[in-house]
N, C-alpha and C. Protein backbone atom coordinates (compact mmCIF):
# COMPACT_ATOMS: atom_id res chain seq x y z
N MET A 1 -9.12 8.58 -4.18
CA MET A 1 -8.36 7.42 -3.76
C MET A 1 -8.27 6.45 -4.94
N SER A 2 -7.09 5.98 -5.20
CA SER A 2 -6.87 5.07 -6.31
C SER A 2 -6.99 3.62 -5.85
N HIS A 3 -7.68 2.82 -6.66
CA HIS A 3 -7.82 1.40 -6.36
C HIS A 3 -7.03 0.55 -7.35
N ALA A 4 -6.16 1.19 -8.11
CA ALA A 4 -5.40 0.47 -9.13
C ALA A 4 -4.48 -0.55 -8.49
N ARG A 5 -4.41 -1.70 -9.11
CA ARG A 5 -3.53 -2.75 -8.61
C ARG A 5 -2.07 -2.37 -8.85
N ARG A 6 -1.19 -2.74 -7.96
CA ARG A 6 0.24 -2.47 -8.08
C ARG A 6 0.98 -3.78 -8.16
N THR A 7 2.13 -3.74 -8.81
CA THR A 7 2.97 -4.93 -8.86
C THR A 7 3.94 -4.89 -7.69
N LEU A 8 4.48 -6.05 -7.36
CA LEU A 8 5.45 -6.10 -6.27
C LEU A 8 6.69 -5.26 -6.57
N PRO A 9 7.24 -5.28 -7.80
CA PRO A 9 8.38 -4.40 -8.09
C PRO A 9 8.04 -2.91 -7.94
N GLU A 10 6.83 -2.50 -8.32
CA GLU A 10 6.43 -1.11 -8.14
C GLU A 10 6.38 -0.75 -6.65
N PHE A 11 5.80 -1.65 -5.88
CA PHE A 11 5.72 -1.45 -4.44
C PHE A 11 7.12 -1.32 -3.84
N ALA A 12 8.00 -2.24 -4.18
CA ALA A 12 9.37 -2.22 -3.64
C ALA A 12 10.11 -0.94 -4.04
N ALA A 13 9.95 -0.52 -5.29
CA ALA A 13 10.63 0.69 -5.75
C ALA A 13 10.13 1.91 -5.01
N THR A 14 8.84 1.99 -4.80
CA THR A 14 8.25 3.13 -4.09
C THR A 14 8.79 3.22 -2.67
N TRP A 15 8.77 2.11 -1.97
CA TRP A 15 9.16 2.13 -0.57
C TRP A 15 10.66 2.15 -0.36
N ALA A 16 11.43 1.73 -1.34
CA ALA A 16 12.89 1.84 -1.23
C ALA A 16 13.33 3.30 -1.24
N ARG A 17 12.56 4.14 -1.93
CA ARG A 17 12.88 5.57 -2.02
C ARG A 17 12.30 6.39 -0.87
N SER A 18 11.46 5.80 -0.07
CA SER A 18 10.76 6.55 0.97
C SER A 18 11.71 7.09 2.03
N THR A 19 11.46 8.32 2.42
CA THR A 19 12.24 8.93 3.50
C THR A 19 11.37 9.17 4.73
N LEU A 20 10.13 8.64 4.69
CA LEU A 20 9.22 8.81 5.82
C LEU A 20 9.63 7.92 6.99
N THR A 21 9.25 8.33 8.17
CA THR A 21 9.46 7.48 9.34
C THR A 21 8.45 6.33 9.28
N GLU A 22 8.73 5.30 10.05
CA GLU A 22 7.82 4.15 10.07
C GLU A 22 6.41 4.57 10.47
N ARG A 23 6.32 5.42 11.46
CA ARG A 23 5.01 5.87 11.93
C ARG A 23 4.28 6.69 10.87
N ALA A 24 5.00 7.56 10.20
CA ALA A 24 4.39 8.41 9.18
C ALA A 24 3.95 7.61 7.96
N ALA A 25 4.65 6.53 7.66
CA ALA A 25 4.37 5.76 6.44
C ALA A 25 3.43 4.58 6.66
N ALA A 26 3.13 4.24 7.88
CA ALA A 26 2.42 2.99 8.18
C ALA A 26 1.11 2.82 7.42
N GLN A 27 0.25 3.83 7.43
CA GLN A 27 -1.06 3.67 6.79
C GLN A 27 -0.92 3.51 5.28
N GLN A 28 -0.11 4.36 4.65
CA GLN A 28 0.04 4.27 3.20
C GLN A 28 0.73 2.96 2.80
N HIS A 29 1.68 2.50 3.60
CA HIS A 29 2.37 1.23 3.35
C HIS A 29 1.35 0.09 3.34
N PHE A 30 0.46 0.08 4.32
CA PHE A 30 -0.59 -0.94 4.40
C PHE A 30 -1.51 -0.87 3.18
N LEU A 31 -1.94 0.34 2.81
CA LEU A 31 -2.84 0.49 1.66
C LEU A 31 -2.16 0.04 0.37
N ASP A 32 -0.87 0.34 0.23
CA ASP A 32 -0.13 -0.10 -0.96
C ASP A 32 0.00 -1.63 -0.99
N LEU A 33 0.20 -2.25 0.16
CA LEU A 33 0.24 -3.71 0.21
C LEU A 33 -1.10 -4.31 -0.21
N CYS A 34 -2.19 -3.69 0.21
CA CYS A 34 -3.51 -4.16 -0.21
C CYS A 34 -3.64 -4.10 -1.72
N LYS A 35 -3.08 -3.07 -2.34
CA LYS A 35 -3.14 -2.96 -3.80
C LYS A 35 -2.30 -4.05 -4.46
N VAL A 36 -1.15 -4.38 -3.88
CA VAL A 36 -0.31 -5.44 -4.44
C VAL A 36 -1.05 -6.76 -4.41
N TRP A 37 -1.69 -7.07 -3.31
CA TRP A 37 -2.37 -8.35 -3.14
C TRP A 37 -3.82 -8.30 -3.59
N ALA A 38 -4.25 -7.16 -4.18
CA ALA A 38 -5.63 -6.98 -4.67
C ALA A 38 -6.65 -7.32 -3.59
N SER A 39 -6.37 -6.84 -2.42
CA SER A 39 -7.22 -7.08 -1.27
C SER A 39 -7.94 -5.78 -0.92
N PRO A 40 -9.18 -5.86 -0.48
CA PRO A 40 -9.84 -4.61 -0.06
C PRO A 40 -9.13 -4.05 1.16
N SER A 41 -9.01 -2.74 1.22
CA SER A 41 -8.31 -2.13 2.34
C SER A 41 -9.21 -1.98 3.56
N ARG A 42 -10.50 -2.18 3.38
CA ARG A 42 -11.44 -2.12 4.49
C ARG A 42 -12.27 -3.41 4.50
N PRO A 43 -12.63 -3.86 5.67
CA PRO A 43 -13.49 -5.04 5.73
C PRO A 43 -14.85 -4.75 5.12
N ARG A 44 -15.44 -5.75 4.51
CA ARG A 44 -16.78 -5.58 3.95
C ARG A 44 -17.80 -5.43 5.06
N GLN A 45 -18.77 -4.57 4.83
CA GLN A 45 -19.86 -4.41 5.80
C GLN A 45 -20.86 -5.54 5.59
N THR A 46 -21.25 -6.19 6.67
CA THR A 46 -22.23 -7.27 6.55
C THR A 46 -23.53 -6.90 7.19
């Protein structure tokens, strides 16, 4: 799994080309957004 940060233009370009259905793409779309905003994709364990 890659944790590399993505830029907003990279994110937009990737998803503009996507042919996946909304349901099929939902998880990866969320993970890619986390990379754009440099946010952890999972909550921290406390």
